[in-house]
Amino acid sequence: MRSSDAPARAHQLHPLILSAARDDELPAWAVCSPGRRQHTNRVAELIDTWASALTLPEEDRIRWRAAAILHDALRDAEPASLVDWSDLDWPPRLLHGPACAARLRTDGVDDAELLDAITFHTVGSPRLAALPDYLYMADFLEPGRRFLTAERAALRARLPHDRDAVLREVAATRIGQRLEHGERLLPQSVDFWNRLIG
């Protein structure tokens, strides 16, 4: 694609995606605290840095940033209010991703990879695609989180180019944390892990 084609293609993106990426704007239905907004902005900055380093076309950079801004748009909603927006048998505290993707779909967003990234950002996508994998990592590795600080900084420093190895390490840590807390692994997380070690 010629560089002059990128801005023209970006105009074809859904207005909600453009607003999220360009103005950090959330849809009217979002329930997202100021602290959560700070988190999504840090995730967006991180994923935008990676998209730039990977020299992605402008349209993809917009999509990646929008996914980061939108991924927790319903994180502070009452979990019970999210059940009707998802047919997944997940614990209510994990339904914000699928519910957000469903709301975006209802609003006319039809970007399957972006919706998949938002749906699976907490559990890992069983399908191979760059945006879901990078959003999964960015959500965990963003520098504002206050745990495993040195380990996460070391992993961030290896991205975006050491994607597969870092993704396995992030997944092992996240899945390990769930197991340590006695939580069940969702089938999608098992499929995700099996894809990574395939």
C-alpha atoms as a PDB file:
ATOM      1  CA  MET A   1       0.000   0.000   0.000  1.00  0.00           C
ATOM      2  CA  ARG A   2       1.298   3.446  -0.851  1.00  0.00           C
ATOM      3  CA  SER A   3       1.593   5.802   2.122  1.00  0.00           C
ATOM      4  CA  SER A   4      -0.819   8.216   0.435  1.00  0.00           C
ATOM      5  CA  ASP A   5      -3.518   5.495   0.541  1.00  0.00           C
ATOM      6  CA  ALA A   6      -3.456   5.151   4.332  1.00  0.00           C
ATOM      7  CA  PRO A   7      -5.390   8.322   5.261  1.00  0.00           C
ATOM      8  CA  ALA A   8      -8.098   7.556   2.687  1.00  0.00           C
ATOM      9  CA  ARG A   9      -8.550   4.031   4.047  1.00  0.00           C
ATOM     10  CA  ALA A  10      -8.647   5.320   7.641  1.00  0.00           C
ATOM     11  CA  HIS A  11     -11.789   7.304   6.797  1.00  0.00           C
ATOM     12  CA  GLN A  12     -13.604   3.995   6.180  1.00  0.00           C
ATOM     13  CA  LEU A  13     -13.197   2.990   9.816  1.00  0.00           C
ATOM     14  CA  HIS A  14     -16.262   3.138  12.044  1.00  0.00           C
ATOM     15  CA  PRO A  15     -16.715   6.532  13.744  1.00  0.00           C
ATOM     16  CA  LEU A  16     -16.508   4.930  17.227  1.00  0.00           C
ATOM     17  CA  ILE A  17     -13.119   3.472  16.317  1.00  0.00           C
ATOM     18  CA  LEU A  18     -11.882   6.804  14.979  1.00  0.00           C
ATOM     19  CA  SER A  19     -13.126   8.691  18.065  1.00  0.00           C
ATOM     20  CA  ALA A  20     -11.482   6.224  20.423  1.00  0.00           C
ATOM     21  CA  ALA A  21      -8.156   6.299  18.596  1.00  0.00           C
ATOM     22  CA  ARG A  22      -7.918  10.000  17.838  1.00  0.00           C
ATOM     23  CA  ASP A  23      -9.646  11.569  20.838  1.00  0.00           C
ATOM     24  CA  ASP A  24      -9.468   8.793  23.483  1.00  0.00           C
ATOM     25  CA  GLU A  25     -13.262   9.041  23.467  1.00  0.00           C
ATOM     26  CA  LEU A  26     -15.480   6.273  24.831  1.00  0.00           C
ATOM     27  CA  PRO A  27     -19.018   5.465  23.668  1.00  0.00           C
ATOM     28  CA  ALA A  28     -21.900   6.951  25.670  1.00  0.00           C
ATOM     29  CA  TRP A  29     -22.652   3.535  27.180  1.00  0.00           C
ATOM     30  CA  ALA A  30     -19.161   3.117  28.695  1.00  0.00           C
ATOM     31  CA  VAL A  31     -18.757   2.736  32.455  1.00  0.00           C
ATOM     32  CA  CYS A  32     -15.119   3.532  33.129  1.00  0.00           C
ATOM     33  CA  SER A  33     -13.657   5.269  36.183  1.00  0.00           C
ATOM     34  CA  PRO A  34     -10.928   7.936  35.920  1.00  0.00           C
ATOM     35  CA  GLY A  35      -8.378   5.442  37.239  1.00  0.00           C
ATOM     36  CA  ARG A  36      -9.423   2.911  34.639  1.00  0.00           C
ATOM     37  CA  ARG A  37      -9.127   5.593  31.945  1.00  0.00           C
ATOM     38  CA  GLN A  38      -5.535   6.183  33.033  1.00  0.00           C
ATOM     39  CA  HIS A  39      -4.912   2.443  32.600  1.00  0.00           C
ATOM     40  CA  THR A  40      -6.474   2.359  29.116  1.00  0.00           C
ATOM     41  CA  ASN A  41      -4.451   5.400  28.084  1.00  0.00           C
ATOM     42  CA  ARG A  42      -1.227   3.693  29.221  1.00  0.00           C
ATOM     43  CA  VAL A  43      -2.211   0.542  27.313  1.00  0.00           C
ATOM     44  CA  ALA A  44      -2.927   2.699  24.252  1.00  0.00           C
ATOM     45  CA  GLU A  45       0.450   4.444  24.462  1.00  0.00           C
ATOM     46  CA  LEU A  46       2.244   1.112  24.784  1.00  0.00           C
ATOM     47  CA  ILE A  47       0.411  -0.570  21.919  1.00  0.00           C
ATOM     48  CA  ASP A  48       0.806   2.524  19.758  1.00  0.00           C
ATOM     49  CA  THR A  49       4.566   2.435  20.355  1.00  0.00           C
ATOM     50  CA  TRP A  50       4.645  -1.206  19.269  1.00  0.00           C
ATOM     51  CA  ALA A  51       2.498  -0.555  16.195  1.00  0.00           C
ATOM     52  CA  SER A  52       4.868   2.241  15.195  1.00  0.00           C
ATOM     53  CA  ALA A  53       7.947   0.059  15.711  1.00  0.00           C
ATOM     54  CA  LEU A  54       6.332  -2.630  13.558  1.00  0.00           C
ATOM     55  CA  THR A  55       5.736   0.060  10.895  1.00  0.00           C
ATOM     56  CA  LEU A  56       2.068  -0.812  10.612  1.00  0.00           C
ATOM     57  CA  PRO A  57      -0.046   1.199   8.185  1.00  0.00           C
ATOM     58  CA  GLU A  58      -1.963   4.136   9.654  1.00  0.00           C
ATOM     59  CA  GLU A  59      -5.288   2.273   9.530  1.00  0.00           C
ATOM     60  CA  ASP A  60      -3.903  -0.546  11.655  1.00  0.00           C
ATOM     61  CA  ARG A  61      -2.334   1.887  14.117  1.00  0.00           C
ATOM     62  CA  ILE A  62      -5.734   3.543  14.516  1.00  0.00           C
ATOM     63  CA  ARG A  63      -7.418   0.160  15.059  1.00  0.00           C
ATOM     64  CA  TRP A  64      -4.793  -0.937  17.605  1.00  0.00           C
ATOM     65  CA  ARG A  65      -5.060   2.293  19.592  1.00  0.00           C
ATOM     66  CA  ALA A  66      -8.865   2.146  19.515  1.00  0.00           C
ATOM     67  CA  ALA A  67      -8.853  -1.432  20.821  1.00  0.00           C
ATOM     68  CA  ALA A  68      -6.644  -0.337  23.706  1.00  0.00           C
ATOM     69  CA  ILE A  69      -8.849   2.635  24.584  1.00  0.00           C
ATOM     70  CA  LEU A  70     -12.037   0.541  24.346  1.00  0.00           C
ATOM     71  CA  HIS A  71     -10.952  -2.752  25.937  1.00  0.00           C
ATOM     72  CA  ASP A  72     -12.049  -1.781  29.478  1.00  0.00           C
ATOM     73  CA  ALA A  73     -14.959   0.490  28.489  1.00  0.00           C
ATOM     74  CA  LEU A  74     -17.313  -1.621  30.641  1.00  0.00           C
ATOM     75  CA  ARG A  75     -14.830  -2.718  33.310  1.00  0.00           C
ATOM     76  CA  ASP A  76     -16.511  -0.635  36.019  1.00  0.00           C
ATOM     77  CA  ALA A  77     -20.069  -1.655  35.111  1.00  0.00           C
ATOM     78  CA  GLU A  78     -22.005  -3.867  37.511  1.00  0.00           C
ATOM     79  CA  PRO A  79     -21.027  -7.425  36.491  1.00  0.00           C
ATOM     80  CA  ALA A  80     -24.672  -8.552  36.572  1.00  0.00           C
ATOM     81  CA  SER A  81     -25.509  -5.940  33.930  1.00  0.00           C
ATOM     82  CA  LEU A  82     -23.043  -7.551  31.514  1.00  0.00           C
ATOM     83  CA  VAL A  83     -24.516 -11.053  31.528  1.00  0.00           C
ATOM     84  CA  ASP A  84     -27.155 -10.208  28.911  1.00  0.00           C
ATOM     85  CA  TRP A  85     -24.436  -8.973  26.548  1.00  0.00           C
ATOM     86  CA  SER A  86     -22.525 -12.248  26.404  1.00  0.00           C
ATOM     87  CA  ASP A  87     -23.355 -15.880  25.771  1.00  0.00           C
ATOM     88  CA  LEU A  88     -20.018 -16.990  27.248  1.00  0.00           C
ATOM     89  CA  ASP A  89     -19.998 -18.994  30.465  1.00  0.00           C
ATOM     90  CA  TRP A  90     -17.368 -16.820  32.127  1.00  0.00           C
ATOM     91  CA  PRO A  91     -17.140 -15.440  35.661  1.00  0.00           C
ATOM     92  CA  PRO A  92     -19.017 -12.103  35.758  1.00  0.00           C
ATOM     93  CA  ARG A  93     -15.829 -10.102  36.457  1.00  0.00           C
ATOM     94  CA  LEU A  94     -14.418 -11.229  33.090  1.00  0.00           C
ATOM     95  CA  LEU A  95     -17.505 -10.380  31.031  1.00  0.00           C
ATOM     96  CA  HIS A  96     -16.557  -6.735  30.442  1.00  0.00           C
ATOM     97  CA  GLY A  97     -14.522  -7.644  27.331  1.00  0.00           C
ATOM     98  CA  PRO A  98     -17.189  -9.762  25.616  1.00  0.00           C
ATOM     99  CA  ALA A  99     -19.902  -7.287  26.629  1.00  0.00           C
ATOM    100  CA  CYS A 100     -17.930  -4.358  25.224  1.00  0.00           C
ATOM    101  CA  ALA A 101     -17.368  -6.203  21.944  1.00  0.00           C
ATOM    102  CA  ALA A 102     -21.091  -7.025  21.764  1.00  0.00           C
ATOM    103  CA  ARG A 103     -22.045  -3.385  22.369  1.00  0.00           C
ATOM    104  CA  LEU A 104     -19.611  -2.236  19.673  1.00  0.00           C
ATOM    105  CA  ARG A 105     -21.034  -4.833  17.283  1.00  0.00           C
ATOM    106  CA  THR A 106     -24.558  -3.545  18.023  1.00  0.00           C
ATOM    107  CA  ASP A 107     -23.316  -0.034  17.224  1.00  0.00           C
ATOM    108  CA  GLY A 108     -22.143  -1.228  13.807  1.00  0.00           C
ATOM    109  CA  VAL A 109     -18.473  -2.050  14.387  1.00  0.00           C
ATOM    110  CA  ASP A 110     -17.688  -5.108  12.260  1.00  0.00           C
ATOM    111  CA  ASP A 111     -13.889  -5.344  12.616  1.00  0.00           C
ATOM    112  CA  ALA A 112     -13.584  -9.005  13.619  1.00  0.00           C
ATOM    113  CA  GLU A 113      -9.939  -8.817  14.747  1.00  0.00           C
ATOM    114  CA  LEU A 114     -10.540  -5.717  16.894  1.00  0.00           C
ATOM    115  CA  LEU A 115     -13.673  -7.240  18.452  1.00  0.00           C
ATOM    116  CA  ASP A 116     -11.772 -10.473  19.111  1.00  0.00           C
ATOM    117  CA  ALA A 117      -8.969  -8.505  20.798  1.00  0.00           C
ATOM    118  CA  ILE A 118     -11.434  -6.768  23.118  1.00  0.00           C
ATOM    119  CA  THR A 119     -13.382  -9.958  23.849  1.00  0.00           C
ATOM    120  CA  PHE A 120     -10.329 -12.003  24.810  1.00  0.00           C
ATOM    121  CA  HIS A 121      -7.997  -9.396  26.311  1.00  0.00           C
ATOM    122  CA  THR A 122      -8.197 -11.006  29.772  1.00  0.00           C
ATOM    123  CA  VAL A 123      -8.044 -14.677  28.783  1.00  0.00           C
ATOM    124  CA  GLY A 124      -6.122 -14.803  25.498  1.00  0.00           C
ATOM    125  CA  SER A 125      -7.528 -15.397  22.045  1.00  0.00           C
ATOM    126  CA  PRO A 126      -7.532 -18.960  20.779  1.00  0.00           C
ATOM    127  CA  ARG A 127      -7.206 -17.581  17.226  1.00  0.00           C
ATOM    128  CA  LEU A 128      -3.870 -16.408  15.847  1.00  0.00           C
ATOM    129  CA  ALA A 129      -3.933 -12.677  15.103  1.00  0.00           C
ATOM    130  CA  ALA A 130      -1.569  -9.834  15.916  1.00  0.00           C
ATOM    131  CA  LEU A 131      -3.934  -7.320  17.513  1.00  0.00           C
ATOM    132  CA  PRO A 132      -5.460  -9.713  20.099  1.00  0.00           C
ATOM    133  CA  ASP A 133      -2.005 -10.965  21.077  1.00  0.00           C
ATOM    134  CA  TYR A 134      -0.515  -7.487  21.469  1.00  0.00           C
ATOM    135  CA  LEU A 135      -3.533  -6.158  23.394  1.00  0.00           C
ATOM    136  CA  TYR A 136      -3.348  -9.159  25.751  1.00  0.00           C
ATOM    137  CA  MET A 137       0.306  -8.344  26.416  1.00  0.00           C
ATOM    138  CA  ALA A 138      -0.158  -4.567  26.669  1.00  0.00           C
ATOM    139  CA  ASP A 139      -2.989  -4.934  29.182  1.00  0.00           C
ATOM    140  CA  PHE A 140      -0.681  -6.940  31.443  1.00  0.00           C
ATOM    141  CA  LEU A 141       2.581  -5.114  30.769  1.00  0.00           C
ATOM    142  CA  GLU A 142       1.515  -1.454  30.901  1.00  0.00           C
ATOM    143  CA  PRO A 143       3.868   0.381  33.256  1.00  0.00           C
ATOM    144  CA  GLY A 144       1.264   1.649  35.732  1.00  0.00           C
ATOM    145  CA  ARG A 145       0.562  -1.753  37.233  1.00  0.00           C
ATOM    146  CA  ARG A 146       2.198  -2.277  40.628  1.00  0.00           C
ATOM    147  CA  PHE A 147       3.222  -5.937  40.604  1.00  0.00           C
ATOM    148  CA  LEU A 148       6.179  -7.811  39.137  1.00  0.00           C
ATOM    149  CA  THR A 149       7.530  -4.408  38.169  1.00  0.00           C
ATOM    150  CA  ALA A 150      11.041  -5.458  37.119  1.00  0.00           C
ATOM    151  CA  GLU A 151       9.873  -8.617  35.359  1.00  0.00           C
ATOM    152  CA  ARG A 152       7.229  -6.786  33.376  1.00  0.00           C
ATOM    153  CA  ALA A 153       9.662  -4.002  32.428  1.00  0.00           C
ATOM    154  CA  ALA A 154      12.079  -6.627  31.090  1.00  0.00           C
ATOM    155  CA  LEU A 155       9.314  -8.197  29.014  1.00  0.00           C
ATOM    156  CA  ARG A 156       8.208  -4.787  27.665  1.00  0.00           C
ATOM    157  CA  ALA A 157      11.778  -4.090  26.572  1.00  0.00           C
ATOM    158  CA  ARG A 158      11.706  -7.181  24.331  1.00  0.00           C
ATOM    159  CA  LEU A 159       8.635  -6.037  22.431  1.00  0.00           C
ATOM    160  CA  PRO A 160       7.372  -5.690  19.839  1.00  0.00           C
ATOM    161  CA  HIS A 161       9.829  -7.939  18.017  1.00  0.00           C
ATOM    162  CA  ASP A 162      10.017 -10.914  20.396  1.00  0.00           C
ATOM    163  CA  ARG A 163       6.247 -11.432  20.242  1.00  0.00           C
ATOM    164  CA  ASP A 164       5.979 -15.222  20.482  1.00  0.00           C
ATOM    165  CA  ALA A 165       8.373 -15.710  23.396  1.00  0.00           C
ATOM    166  CA  VAL A 166       7.017 -12.766  25.396  1.00  0.00           C
ATOM    167  CA  LEU A 167       3.439 -13.835  24.710  1.00  0.00           C
ATOM    168  CA  ARG A 168       4.198 -17.305  26.130  1.00  0.00           C
ATOM    169  CA  GLU A 169       5.789 -15.767  29.236  1.00  0.00           C
ATOM    170  CA  VAL A 170       2.893 -13.367  29.799  1.00  0.00           C
ATOM    171  CA  ALA A 171       0.363 -16.169  29.285  1.00  0.00           C
ATOM    172  CA  ALA A 172       2.243 -18.471  31.669  1.00  0.00           C
ATOM    173  CA  THR A 173       2.219 -15.752  34.332  1.00  0.00           C
ATOM    174  CA  ARG A 174      -1.441 -14.820  33.865  1.00  0.00           C
ATOM    175  CA  ILE A 175      -2.623 -18.428  33.752  1.00  0.00           C
ATOM    176  CA  GLY A 176      -0.381 -19.253  36.712  1.00  0.00           C
ATOM    177  CA  GLN A 177      -1.971 -16.453  38.727  1.00  0.00           C
ATOM    178  CA  ARG A 178      -5.431 -17.868  38.039  1.00  0.00           C
ATOM    179  CA  LEU A 179      -4.321 -21.315  39.116  1.00  0.00           C
ATOM    180  CA  GLU A 180      -2.700 -19.949  42.296  1.00  0.00           C
ATOM    181  CA  HIS A 181      -6.034 -18.340  43.208  1.00  0.00           C
ATOM    182  CA  GLY A 182      -7.884 -21.609  42.609  1.00  0.00           C
ATOM    183  CA  GLU A 183      -9.779 -20.248  39.618  1.00  0.00           C
ATOM    184  CA  ARG A 184     -10.955 -22.467  36.808  1.00  0.00           C
ATOM    185  CA  LEU A 185      -9.315 -22.047  33.434  1.00  0.00           C
ATOM    186  CA  LEU A 186     -11.734 -21.093  30.733  1.00  0.00           C
ATOM    187  CA  PRO A 187     -11.733 -23.276  27.594  1.00  0.00           C
ATOM    188  CA  GLN A 188     -10.590 -20.265  25.575  1.00  0.00           C
ATOM    189  CA  SER A 189      -7.533 -19.872  27.827  1.00  0.00           C
ATOM    190  CA  VAL A 190      -6.691 -23.542  27.427  1.00  0.00           C
ATOM    191  CA  ASP A 191      -7.038 -23.245  23.639  1.00  0.00           C
ATOM    192  CA  PHE A 192      -4.928 -20.071  23.736  1.00  0.00           C
ATOM    193  CA  TRP A 193      -2.158 -21.799  25.704  1.00  0.00           C
ATOM    194  CA  ASN A 194      -2.240 -24.824  23.419  1.00  0.00           C
ATOM    195  CA  ARG A 195      -1.921 -22.508  20.415  1.00  0.00           C
ATOM    196  CA  LEU A 196       1.132 -20.880  21.977  1.00  0.00           C
ATOM    197  CA  ILE A 197       2.959 -24.118  22.704  1.00  0.00           C
ATOM    198  CA  GLY A 198       1.556 -25.838  19.562  1.00  0.00           C
END
